[in-house]
Amino acid sequence: MPVDSLFDTICSNVIENAPQHTDSPEPWIRVTVKAGEGHVEVRVADNGPGIEDHELALVEEGTETPLKHGSGIGLTLVVWGTDIAVGSVTFESEGSGTCVVLEIPVAGRG
């Protein structure tokens, strides 16, 4: 899978996931994109309940077992895809929400 297709999948997953996991009566999502020197940064912020600590711990550990697993594959897909694209992903708490920050290198132009 080319990196651009993979990047589309990663971004779509993060953007679509945000409104699915909120209980806010007025949910919002803010997507910002910033081009940097040799990379692009995508920030997806929302006002949802945040990502539970045990979910983040599983992503950081990189393994799941039948007794220790997440509620879905979404976060794992984002982390794996970002790793394949030689990028990075971080999760920031913003009070009553979360901000997922994706940083992906930009391929050279021939």
N, C-alpha and C. Protein backbone atom coordinates (compact mmCIF):
# COMPACT_ATOMS: atom_id res chain seq x y z
N MET A 1 0.86 -1.18 0.00
CA MET A 1 0.00 0.00 0.00
C MET A 1 0.90 1.24 0.00
N PRO A 2 0.72 2.14 -0.96
CA PRO A 2 1.52 3.36 -0.96
C PRO A 2 1.24 4.21 0.28
N VAL A 3 2.24 5.00 0.66
CA VAL A 3 2.11 5.82 1.87
C VAL A 3 0.93 6.77 1.77
N ASP A 4 0.67 7.34 0.57
CA ASP A 4 -0.45 8.29 0.48
C ASP A 4 -1.78 7.61 0.76
N SER A 5 -1.98 6.38 0.29
CA SER A 5 -3.21 5.63 0.59
C SER A 5 -3.28 5.29 2.08
N LEU A 6 -2.14 4.91 2.63
CA LEU A 6 -2.07 4.58 4.05
C LEU A 6 -2.38 5.82 4.89
N PHE A 7 -1.84 6.96 4.50
CA PHE A 7 -2.08 8.21 5.21
C PHE A 7 -3.57 8.57 5.17
N ASP A 8 -4.21 8.36 4.02
CA ASP A 8 -5.65 8.59 3.91
C ASP A 8 -6.42 7.72 4.90
N THR A 9 -6.02 6.44 4.99
CA THR A 9 -6.68 5.51 5.90
C THR A 9 -6.51 5.93 7.35
N ILE A 10 -5.28 6.33 7.70
CA ILE A 10 -4.99 6.75 9.08
C ILE A 10 -5.83 7.98 9.44
N CYS A 11 -5.78 8.99 8.59
CA CYS A 11 -6.53 10.23 8.87
C CYS A 11 -8.03 9.98 8.93
N SER A 12 -8.54 9.19 7.99
CA SER A 12 -9.98 8.89 7.99
C SER A 12 -10.39 8.20 9.28
N ASN A 13 -9.56 7.26 9.73
CA ASN A 13 -9.87 6.54 10.95
C ASN A 13 -9.95 7.48 12.14
N VAL A 14 -8.98 8.37 12.27
CA VAL A 14 -8.96 9.31 13.40
C VAL A 14 -10.16 10.26 13.33
N ILE A 15 -10.43 10.80 12.16
CA ILE A 15 -11.51 11.78 12.00
C ILE A 15 -12.88 11.12 12.22
N GLU A 16 -13.08 9.93 11.67
CA GLU A 16 -14.36 9.24 11.83
C GLU A 16 -14.57 8.72 13.25
N ASN A 17 -13.48 8.38 13.92
CA ASN A 17 -13.55 7.82 15.26
C ASN A 17 -13.99 8.86 16.29
N ALA A 18 -13.57 10.09 16.11
CA ALA A 18 -13.85 11.13 17.10
C ALA A 18 -15.33 11.30 17.43
N PRO A 19 -16.23 11.49 16.46
CA PRO A 19 -17.63 11.70 16.82
C PRO A 19 -18.34 10.43 17.29
N GLN A 20 -17.77 9.26 16.99
CA GLN A 20 -18.39 8.00 17.39
C GLN A 20 -18.23 7.73 18.88
N HIS A 21 -17.25 8.38 19.50
CA HIS A 21 -16.96 8.09 20.91
C HIS A 21 -17.17 9.30 21.81
N THR A 22 -18.23 10.04 21.54
CA THR A 22 -18.52 11.19 22.39
C THR A 22 -19.94 11.09 22.93
N ASP A 23 -20.11 11.65 24.12
CA ASP A 23 -21.44 11.73 24.69
C ASP A 23 -21.85 13.19 24.86
N SER A 24 -21.08 14.07 24.25
CA SER A 24 -21.36 15.50 24.34
C SER A 24 -22.64 15.83 23.58
N PRO A 25 -23.50 16.68 24.13
CA PRO A 25 -24.71 17.07 23.41
C PRO A 25 -24.39 17.94 22.19
N GLU A 26 -23.23 18.57 22.21
CA GLU A 26 -22.80 19.40 21.07
C GLU A 26 -21.36 19.02 20.69
N PRO A 27 -21.19 17.84 20.06
CA PRO A 27 -19.84 17.40 19.73
C PRO A 27 -19.23 18.27 18.63
N TRP A 28 -17.92 18.43 18.71
CA TRP A 28 -17.20 19.14 17.66
C TRP A 28 -15.86 18.45 17.40
N ILE A 29 -15.37 18.63 16.20
CA ILE A 29 -14.06 18.11 15.80
C ILE A 29 -13.34 19.24 15.07
N ARG A 30 -12.07 19.41 15.40
CA ARG A 30 -11.26 20.43 14.73
C ARG A 30 -10.06 19.72 14.10
N VAL A 31 -9.91 19.86 12.79
CA VAL A 31 -8.79 19.27 12.07
C VAL A 31 -7.92 20.39 11.53
N THR A 32 -6.64 20.34 11.88
CA THR A 32 -5.70 21.32 11.34
C THR A 32 -4.55 20.56 10.68
N VAL A 33 -4.08 21.13 9.60
CA VAL A 33 -2.97 20.53 8.85
C VAL A 33 -1.91 21.60 8.68
N LYS A 34 -0.67 21.21 8.97
CA LYS A 34 0.44 22.15 8.86
C LYS A 34 1.60 21.45 8.16
N ALA A 35 2.09 22.07 7.10
CA ALA A 35 3.25 21.53 6.40
C ALA A 35 4.50 22.06 7.06
N GLY A 36 5.42 21.17 7.34
CA GLY A 36 6.69 21.55 7.94
C GLY A 36 7.83 21.21 7.00
N GLU A 37 9.02 21.34 7.49
CA GLU A 37 10.21 21.01 6.71
C GLU A 37 10.31 19.49 6.58
N GLY A 38 9.86 18.96 5.46
CA GLY A 38 9.98 17.53 5.21
C GLY A 38 8.89 16.67 5.82
N HIS A 39 7.88 17.28 6.44
CA HIS A 39 6.80 16.49 7.02
C HIS A 39 5.49 17.29 7.01
N VAL A 40 4.41 16.57 7.26
CA VAL A 40 3.10 17.22 7.42
C VAL A 40 2.57 16.79 8.79
N GLU A 41 1.96 17.75 9.48
CA GLU A 41 1.37 17.48 10.78
C GLU A 41 -0.14 17.65 10.68
N VAL A 42 -0.86 16.62 11.11
CA VAL A 42 -2.33 16.66 11.15
C VAL A 42 -2.74 16.54 12.60
N ARG A 43 -3.54 17.48 13.08
CA ARG A 43 -4.05 17.46 14.45
C ARG A 43 -5.57 17.32 14.38
N VAL A 44 -6.08 16.33 15.09
CA VAL A 44 -7.52 16.10 15.15
C VAL A 44 -7.92 16.21 16.61
N ALA A 45 -8.62 17.29 16.94
CA ALA A 45 -9.04 17.55 18.32
C ALA A 45 -10.56 17.41 18.42
N ASP A 46 -11.02 16.96 19.58
CA ASP A 46 -12.46 16.85 19.80
C ASP A 46 -12.78 17.16 21.26
N ASN A 47 -14.07 17.24 21.56
CA ASN A 47 -14.50 17.52 22.92
C ASN A 47 -15.15 16.30 23.57
N GLY A 48 -14.72 15.12 23.13
CA GLY A 48 -15.25 13.88 23.68
C GLY A 48 -14.67 13.58 25.06
N PRO A 49 -14.93 12.38 25.56
CA PRO A 49 -14.52 12.02 26.91
C PRO A 49 -13.02 11.69 27.02
N GLY A 50 -12.32 11.67 25.93
CA GLY A 50 -10.90 11.31 25.95
C GLY A 50 -10.72 9.82 25.77
N ILE A 51 -9.48 9.43 25.54
CA ILE A 51 -9.16 8.02 25.37
C ILE A 51 -8.79 7.46 26.73
N GLU A 52 -9.39 6.35 27.08
CA GLU A 52 -9.16 5.76 28.40
C GLU A 52 -7.70 5.33 28.55
N ASP A 53 -7.20 5.46 29.77
CA ASP A 53 -5.79 5.15 30.05
C ASP A 53 -5.41 3.73 29.66
N HIS A 54 -6.29 2.76 29.91
CA HIS A 54 -5.94 1.37 29.57
C HIS A 54 -5.83 1.18 28.06
N GLU A 55 -6.62 1.92 27.28
CA GLU A 55 -6.52 1.85 25.81
C GLU A 55 -5.17 2.40 25.34
N LEU A 56 -4.77 3.55 25.90
CA LEU A 56 -3.48 4.14 25.53
C LEU A 56 -2.33 3.24 25.96
N ALA A 57 -2.44 2.62 27.12
CA ALA A 57 -1.37 1.73 27.60
C ALA A 57 -1.19 0.55 26.66
N LEU A 58 -2.28 0.00 26.16
CA LEU A 58 -2.17 -1.11 25.22
C LEU A 58 -1.48 -0.69 23.93
N VAL A 59 -1.80 0.49 23.45
CA VAL A 59 -1.16 0.99 22.24
C VAL A 59 0.33 1.18 22.47
N GLU A 60 0.69 1.74 23.62
CA GLU A 60 2.10 1.96 23.92
C GLU A 60 2.86 0.65 24.09
N GLU A 61 2.22 -0.36 24.70
CA GLU A 61 2.86 -1.66 24.89
C GLU A 61 2.99 -2.41 23.57
N GLY A 62 2.04 -2.21 22.67
CA GLY A 62 2.10 -2.85 21.36
C GLY A 62 1.63 -4.29 21.31
N THR A 63 1.07 -4.80 22.40
CA THR A 63 0.56 -6.18 22.40
C THR A 63 -0.78 -6.25 23.12
N GLU A 64 -1.56 -7.22 22.68
CA GLU A 64 -2.82 -7.51 23.35
C GLU A 64 -2.90 -9.01 23.60
N THR A 65 -3.67 -9.40 24.57
CA THR A 65 -3.90 -10.81 24.87
C THR A 65 -5.40 -11.01 25.00
N PRO A 66 -5.87 -12.26 25.08
CA PRO A 66 -7.31 -12.48 25.26
C PRO A 66 -7.85 -11.84 26.54
N LEU A 67 -7.01 -11.70 27.55
CA LEU A 67 -7.47 -11.10 28.81
C LEU A 67 -7.16 -9.61 28.91
N LYS A 68 -6.31 -9.12 28.06
CA LYS A 68 -5.89 -7.72 28.11
C LYS A 68 -5.94 -7.16 26.69
N HIS A 69 -7.07 -6.49 26.38
CA HIS A 69 -7.26 -6.01 25.01
C HIS A 69 -8.07 -4.72 25.01
N GLY A 70 -7.98 -4.02 23.89
CA GLY A 70 -8.73 -2.78 23.73
C GLY A 70 -10.15 -3.04 23.28
N SER A 71 -10.90 -1.96 23.14
CA SER A 71 -12.30 -2.09 22.74
C SER A 71 -12.47 -2.18 21.23
N GLY A 72 -11.39 -1.94 20.49
CA GLY A 72 -11.45 -2.01 19.04
C GLY A 72 -10.05 -1.98 18.46
N ILE A 73 -9.99 -1.92 17.14
CA ILE A 73 -8.68 -1.94 16.48
C ILE A 73 -8.27 -0.55 15.98
N GLY A 74 -9.12 0.44 16.16
CA GLY A 74 -8.88 1.77 15.62
C GLY A 74 -7.56 2.40 16.01
N LEU A 75 -7.27 2.46 17.31
CA LEU A 75 -6.01 3.08 17.76
C LEU A 75 -4.80 2.29 17.27
N THR A 76 -4.92 0.97 17.30
CA THR A 76 -3.82 0.13 16.83
C THR A 76 -3.57 0.36 15.35
N LEU A 77 -4.62 0.46 14.55
CA LEU A 77 -4.49 0.74 13.12
C LEU A 77 -3.76 2.06 12.89
N VAL A 78 -4.11 3.08 13.65
CA VAL A 78 -3.48 4.38 13.52
C VAL A 78 -1.98 4.30 13.85
N VAL A 79 -1.65 3.62 14.93
CA VAL A 79 -0.24 3.50 15.33
C VAL A 79 0.54 2.67 14.32
N TRP A 80 0.01 1.52 13.92
CA TRP A 80 0.70 0.67 12.94
C TRP A 80 0.90 1.41 11.63
N GLY A 81 -0.16 2.05 11.15
CA GLY A 81 -0.06 2.76 9.87
C GLY A 81 0.96 3.89 9.93
N THR A 82 0.98 4.61 11.03
CA THR A 82 1.94 5.70 11.18
C THR A 82 3.36 5.16 11.24
N ASP A 83 3.55 4.03 11.93
CA ASP A 83 4.88 3.39 11.97
C ASP A 83 5.32 2.98 10.57
N ILE A 84 4.43 2.36 9.80
CA ILE A 84 4.76 1.93 8.44
C ILE A 84 5.17 3.13 7.59
N ALA A 85 4.51 4.26 7.79
CA ALA A 85 4.81 5.48 7.03
C ALA A 85 6.02 6.22 7.60
N VAL A 86 6.68 5.63 8.60
CA VAL A 86 7.85 6.21 9.27
C VAL A 86 7.51 7.57 9.86
N GLY A 87 6.33 7.64 10.46
CA GLY A 87 5.90 8.87 11.11
C GLY A 87 5.73 8.64 12.60
N SER A 88 5.00 9.55 13.23
CA SER A 88 4.73 9.42 14.66
C SER A 88 3.29 9.84 14.95
N VAL A 89 2.79 9.31 16.05
CA VAL A 89 1.46 9.68 16.51
C VAL A 89 1.54 9.89 18.02
N THR A 90 0.92 10.96 18.47
CA THR A 90 0.84 11.22 19.90
C THR A 90 -0.61 11.54 20.24
N PHE A 91 -0.94 11.29 21.50
CA PHE A 91 -2.29 11.53 22.00
C PHE A 91 -2.17 12.52 23.14
N GLU A 92 -2.88 13.65 23.01
CA GLU A 92 -2.83 14.69 24.04
C GLU A 92 -4.21 14.88 24.64
N SER A 93 -4.28 14.97 25.95
CA SER A 93 -5.55 15.26 26.61
C SER A 93 -5.75 16.76 26.62
N GLU A 94 -6.96 17.17 26.32
CA GLU A 94 -7.29 18.59 26.33
C GLU A 94 -8.51 18.80 27.22
N GLY A 95 -8.33 18.59 28.50
CA GLY A 95 -9.46 18.76 29.42
C GLY A 95 -10.51 17.71 29.17
N SER A 96 -11.59 18.08 28.49
CA SER A 96 -12.67 17.13 28.24
C SER A 96 -12.58 16.52 26.85
N GLY A 97 -11.42 16.59 26.24
CA GLY A 97 -11.28 16.02 24.90
C GLY A 97 -9.90 15.46 24.67
N THR A 98 -9.66 15.11 23.43
CA THR A 98 -8.39 14.52 23.03
C THR A 98 -7.93 15.19 21.74
N CYS A 99 -6.62 15.24 21.57
CA CYS A 99 -6.05 15.69 20.32
C CYS A 99 -5.08 14.61 19.86
N VAL A 100 -5.32 14.06 18.69
CA VAL A 100 -4.43 13.08 18.08
C VAL A 100 -3.55 13.85 17.10
N VAL A 101 -2.24 13.72 17.27
CA VAL A 101 -1.29 14.44 16.43
C VAL A 101 -0.53 13.43 15.59
N LEU A 102 -0.68 13.55 14.28
CA LEU A 102 0.01 12.68 13.32
C LEU A 102 1.10 13.49 12.64
N GLU A 103 2.29 12.95 12.58
CA GLU A 103 3.38 13.61 11.86
C GLU A 103 3.94 12.59 10.88
N ILE A 104 3.83 12.90 9.60
CA ILE A 104 4.24 11.98 8.54
C ILE A 104 5.23 12.68 7.63
N PRO A 105 6.35 12.01 7.29
CA PRO A 105 7.30 12.62 6.38
C PRO A 105 6.73 12.76 4.97
N VAL A 106 7.17 13.77 4.27
CA VAL A 106 6.74 14.01 2.90
C VAL A 106 7.82 13.46 1.98
N ALA A 107 7.40 12.66 1.02
CA ALA A 107 8.36 12.07 0.08
C ALA A 107 8.94 13.16 -0.80
N GLY A 108 10.19 12.98 -1.18
CA GLY A 108 10.84 13.95 -2.08
C GLY A 108 10.17 13.98 -3.43
N ARG A 109 10.25 15.07 -4.07
CA ARG A 109 9.63 15.22 -5.38
C ARG A 109 10.71 15.09 -6.43
N GLY A 110 10.44 14.22 -7.39
CA GLY A 110 11.43 13.94 -8.44
C GLY A 110 11.18 14.77 -9.57
